[in-house]
Each structure stands twice: as C-alpha cells, then as structure tokens.
C-alpha cells in the first residue's frame, strides 16, 4: 500500500516539476497588450482591476511582484514574476489533475478502498502522468499559463477542488474524511 502511495506522490510532483520548468521558461518576459498589463500593474500596486475583480489573484500576485522587484529594478522583472505565478498555478493544477486521474483510474481498476499492485499500479500512475502533462500543455491552457491573467489561477482552483472531491469520495465514510469536502467548498469559494 505504501509503495503505490509513494509512486503516486512522486508521479504528481514529477508532473509539477516538468510543467513548472517548461512553463516557467516559456513565461512572457514582459506584459502583453491586453488585460495582462492591467492585472500585473494591479497586482504590483494592489489596485482594483476591471469588474468583477480578482482579489486572490491580486494578493498572491503582489507577493510575486514584490519578489520580482527584489531581483531587479527593471519593471519587466515584476511582469515576469507575475507571469511566473501563472506558470506555477498551471503546474500545480496539472499535479492535481494527475492525482485526480489516479484516483479515478484506481477506482475503475480495483474498486474503492483497494490499492493496485504491479502492472495495474504502473498503468494507474501512467494514466495520471499523461493526464497531468496533457492538461498542462494543451493549447487553450498554455496561453493563459505563460502570462499574468486570472485564468491560470482559476484553473488551479478548479483542479484542486476536483481533486479534493475525488479524494473525499475515495476515503472511507467517516467524519474525518469530510474535511476534504469542506476543503473543496472552501477552494471553490477562493476561486
């Protein structure tokens, strides 16, 4: 049981690392012509952006903008830092897609509460890796993953919510397991 759990965790973090490296390297070095510039400057100065607003994006973006301003006085480093935040959000989302896929594949192959072994474990983890990397590099996700736009963070929260619900469903029916359902509702609220 612990060997599959370890393999599953390693696979998820590997998906995160690959996606973070590729998307981080591809992140735009400056602001784009459309809303990205507004979101980057809004995060840097903690200003209000166009409706409906994006308070979580702006607060987290402010931390990345602050980190970018520590590295250099060049304003483009601030823009790159906020763009990098979108890349990391997408990488985390891919990790949660990987783990969510392994939960669904495990339920389909061996049932709820059982752990796959041998070839089944490799197939389950392989499905998770493929799904996670596909979700990170699909073209519609790629374009918002490399620029400072709210869609990457929204994708991250959606993936995390789905993973938390699947994790809750896969656990035994106890009061302790219900914390994952509460967490899913909380992450939905943050999104």
Protein backbone atom coordinates (compact mmCIF):
# COMPACT_ATOMS: atom_id res chain seq x y z
CA UNK A 1 0.00 0.00 0.00
CA UNK A 2 2.75 2.47 0.87
CA UNK A 3 4.67 1.71 -2.33
CA UNK A 4 1.72 2.77 -4.51
CA UNK A 5 1.15 5.88 -2.41
CA UNK A 6 4.83 6.80 -2.76
CA UNK A 7 4.79 6.14 -6.51
CA UNK A 8 1.62 8.23 -6.86
CA UNK A 9 3.11 11.14 -4.90
CA UNK A 10 6.35 11.04 -6.87
CA UNK A 11 4.42 11.00 -10.15
CA UNK A 12 2.36 14.05 -9.13
CA UNK A 13 5.40 16.04 -8.07
CA UNK A 14 7.23 14.99 -11.24
CA UNK A 15 4.34 16.34 -13.32
CA UNK A 16 4.52 19.57 -11.31
CA UNK A 17 8.29 19.88 -11.81
CA UNK A 18 8.17 19.24 -15.56
CA UNK A 19 5.28 21.64 -16.09
CA UNK A 20 6.84 24.32 -13.88
CA UNK A 21 10.19 24.15 -15.69
CA UNK A 22 8.70 24.25 -19.20
CA UNK A 23 6.05 26.88 -18.47
CA UNK A 24 8.45 28.95 -16.37
CA UNK A 25 10.93 29.00 -19.23
CA UNK A 26 8.17 29.95 -21.67
CA UNK A 27 6.60 32.65 -19.48
CA UNK A 28 6.45 36.03 -21.14
CA UNK A 29 9.29 38.31 -20.05
CA UNK A 30 7.07 41.42 -20.06
CA UNK A 31 3.40 42.35 -20.09
CA UNK A 32 1.11 41.59 -23.01
CA UNK A 33 -1.05 44.07 -24.88
CA UNK A 34 -4.44 43.07 -23.42
CA UNK A 35 -5.64 42.63 -19.82
CA UNK A 36 -2.34 41.16 -18.63
CA UNK A 37 -0.77 44.59 -18.19
CA UNK A 38 -3.72 45.72 -16.10
CA UNK A 39 -3.51 42.63 -13.88
CA UNK A 40 0.27 42.92 -13.49
CA UNK A 41 0.13 46.59 -12.52
CA UNK A 42 -2.91 45.93 -10.33
CA UNK A 43 -1.00 43.19 -8.50
CA UNK A 44 2.11 45.34 -8.16
CA UNK A 45 0.27 48.33 -6.67
CA UNK A 46 -2.66 46.37 -5.15
CA UNK A 47 -5.14 48.31 -7.24
CA UNK A 48 -8.65 47.40 -8.30
CA UNK A 49 -8.86 45.84 -11.76
CA UNK A 50 -11.87 45.76 -14.05
CA UNK A 51 -15.04 44.02 -12.79
CA UNK A 52 -15.59 41.51 -11.35
CA UNK A 53 -12.13 41.90 -9.85
CA UNK A 54 -9.76 39.18 -8.74
CA UNK A 55 -8.77 39.69 -5.10
CA UNK A 56 -6.96 36.38 -4.56
CA UNK A 57 -5.04 36.80 -7.81
CA UNK A 58 -4.03 40.33 -6.83
CA UNK A 59 -2.92 39.38 -3.32
CA UNK A 60 -0.86 36.41 -4.44
CA UNK A 61 0.35 38.38 -7.46
CA UNK A 62 1.54 41.12 -5.10
CA UNK A 63 3.83 38.61 -3.39
CA UNK A 64 5.30 37.57 -6.73
CA UNK A 65 5.60 41.21 -7.87
CA UNK A 66 7.41 42.02 -4.64
CA UNK A 67 9.78 39.11 -5.29
CA UNK A 68 10.37 40.40 -8.81
CA UNK A 69 11.15 43.88 -7.51
CA UNK A 70 13.72 42.41 -5.12
CA UNK A 71 15.57 40.78 -8.01
CA UNK A 72 15.83 43.87 -10.23
CA UNK A 73 14.71 47.48 -10.57
CA UNK A 74 13.65 46.76 -14.14
CA UNK A 75 9.82 46.80 -14.35
CA UNK A 76 9.89 43.83 -16.71
CA UNK A 77 11.15 41.63 -13.84
CA UNK A 78 7.93 42.45 -11.98
CA UNK A 79 5.89 41.47 -15.03
CA UNK A 80 7.88 38.25 -15.43
CA UNK A 81 7.34 37.39 -11.76
CA UNK A 82 3.56 37.71 -12.09
CA UNK A 83 3.68 35.72 -15.34
CA UNK A 84 5.71 33.10 -13.49
CA UNK A 85 2.92 32.91 -10.90
CA UNK A 86 0.53 31.85 -13.65
CA UNK A 87 3.00 29.21 -14.79
CA UNK A 88 3.28 27.81 -11.26
CA UNK A 89 -0.51 27.82 -10.82
CA UNK A 90 -0.85 25.80 -14.01
CA UNK A 91 1.86 23.38 -12.86
CA UNK A 92 0.06 22.86 -9.55
CA UNK A 93 -3.19 22.34 -11.45
CA UNK A 94 -1.50 19.68 -13.59
CA UNK A 95 -0.30 17.95 -10.43
CA UNK A 96 -3.85 17.84 -9.05
CA UNK A 97 -5.15 16.52 -12.40
CA UNK A 98 -2.53 13.77 -12.18
CA UNK A 99 -3.63 12.79 -8.69
CA UNK A 100 -7.33 13.04 -9.55
CA UNK A 101 -6.82 10.79 -12.56
CA UNK A 102 -5.01 8.19 -10.47
CA UNK A 103 -7.93 8.18 -8.02
CA UNK A 104 -10.45 7.62 -10.83
CA UNK A 105 -8.28 5.00 -12.54
CA UNK A 106 -7.73 3.18 -9.24
CA UNK A 107 -11.49 3.09 -8.61
CA UNK A 108 -12.10 1.81 -12.15
CA UNK A 109 -9.46 -0.93 -11.94
CA UNK A 110 -9.53 -2.24 -8.37
CA UNK A 111 -12.51 -0.56 -6.74
CA UNK A 112 -12.90 1.91 -3.94
CA UNK A 113 -10.57 1.39 -0.99
CA UNK A 114 -8.23 -1.09 -2.74
CA UNK A 115 -4.69 -0.42 -3.89
CA UNK A 116 -3.41 -1.51 -7.32
CA UNK A 117 -0.30 -3.65 -7.50
CA UNK A 118 2.27 -4.44 -10.15
CA UNK A 119 1.20 -3.63 -13.68
CA UNK A 120 -2.05 -2.08 -12.52
CA UNK A 121 -0.15 0.39 -10.35
CA UNK A 122 2.06 1.37 -13.28
CA UNK A 123 -0.99 1.78 -15.54
CA UNK A 124 -2.78 3.93 -12.96
CA UNK A 125 0.22 6.17 -12.37
CA UNK A 126 0.97 6.32 -16.10
CA UNK A 127 -2.58 7.49 -16.76
CA UNK A 128 -2.14 10.19 -14.13
CA UNK A 129 1.14 11.40 -15.61
CA UNK A 130 -0.30 11.54 -19.13
CA UNK A 131 -3.43 13.38 -17.97
CA UNK A 132 -1.44 15.83 -15.86
CA UNK A 133 1.07 16.70 -18.58
CA UNK A 134 -1.67 16.91 -21.19
CA UNK A 135 -3.64 19.33 -19.05
CA UNK A 136 -0.56 21.49 -18.58
CA UNK A 137 0.44 21.70 -22.23
CA UNK A 138 -2.88 21.79 -24.07
CA UNK A 139 -3.02 24.94 -26.21
CA UNK A 140 -6.01 26.58 -24.50
CA UNK A 141 -4.29 26.25 -21.11
CA UNK A 142 -0.83 27.15 -22.40
CA UNK A 143 -1.79 30.67 -23.46
CA UNK A 144 -3.04 31.64 -20.01
CA UNK A 145 -0.22 29.76 -18.27
CA UNK A 146 2.54 31.98 -19.64
CA UNK A 147 1.01 35.41 -18.94
CA UNK A 148 -0.31 37.26 -15.90
CA UNK A 149 -4.01 36.51 -16.39
CA UNK A 150 -6.57 35.17 -13.91
CA UNK A 151 -7.41 32.04 -15.91
CA UNK A 152 -4.37 30.07 -14.77
CA UNK A 153 -5.22 30.59 -11.11
CA UNK A 154 -8.85 29.76 -11.80
CA UNK A 155 -7.76 26.53 -13.48
CA UNK A 156 -5.60 25.74 -10.46
CA UNK A 157 -8.52 26.18 -8.04
CA UNK A 158 -10.81 24.11 -10.28
CA UNK A 159 -8.28 21.26 -10.44
CA UNK A 160 -7.68 21.41 -6.69
CA UNK A 161 -11.42 21.34 -6.00
CA UNK A 162 -11.91 18.33 -8.26
CA UNK A 163 -9.00 16.50 -6.59
CA UNK A 164 -10.35 17.23 -3.09
CA UNK A 165 -13.81 15.91 -4.01
CA UNK A 166 -12.32 12.77 -5.55
CA UNK A 167 -10.11 12.28 -2.51
CA UNK A 168 -13.15 12.63 -0.24
CA UNK A 169 -15.12 10.13 -2.34
CA UNK A 170 -12.30 7.58 -2.28
CA UNK A 171 -11.83 7.67 1.51
CA UNK A 172 -13.91 5.55 3.89
CA UNK A 173 -17.17 7.17 5.00
CA UNK A 174 -16.05 8.77 8.29
CA UNK A 175 -16.40 12.17 9.85
CA UNK A 176 -12.62 12.61 9.45
CA UNK A 177 -12.91 12.24 5.66
CA UNK A 178 -15.49 15.02 5.45
CA UNK A 179 -12.76 17.62 5.94
CA UNK A 180 -11.84 17.12 2.27
CA UNK A 181 -15.36 18.06 1.24
CA UNK A 182 -15.18 21.19 3.38
CA UNK A 183 -11.80 21.97 1.82
CA UNK A 184 -13.32 21.56 -1.65
CA UNK A 185 -16.08 24.02 -0.80
CA UNK A 186 -13.51 26.45 0.62
CA UNK A 187 -11.32 26.26 -2.51
CA UNK A 188 -14.41 26.83 -4.65
CA UNK A 189 -15.04 30.00 -2.67
CA UNK A 190 -11.47 31.16 -3.19
CA UNK A 191 -11.69 30.62 -6.91
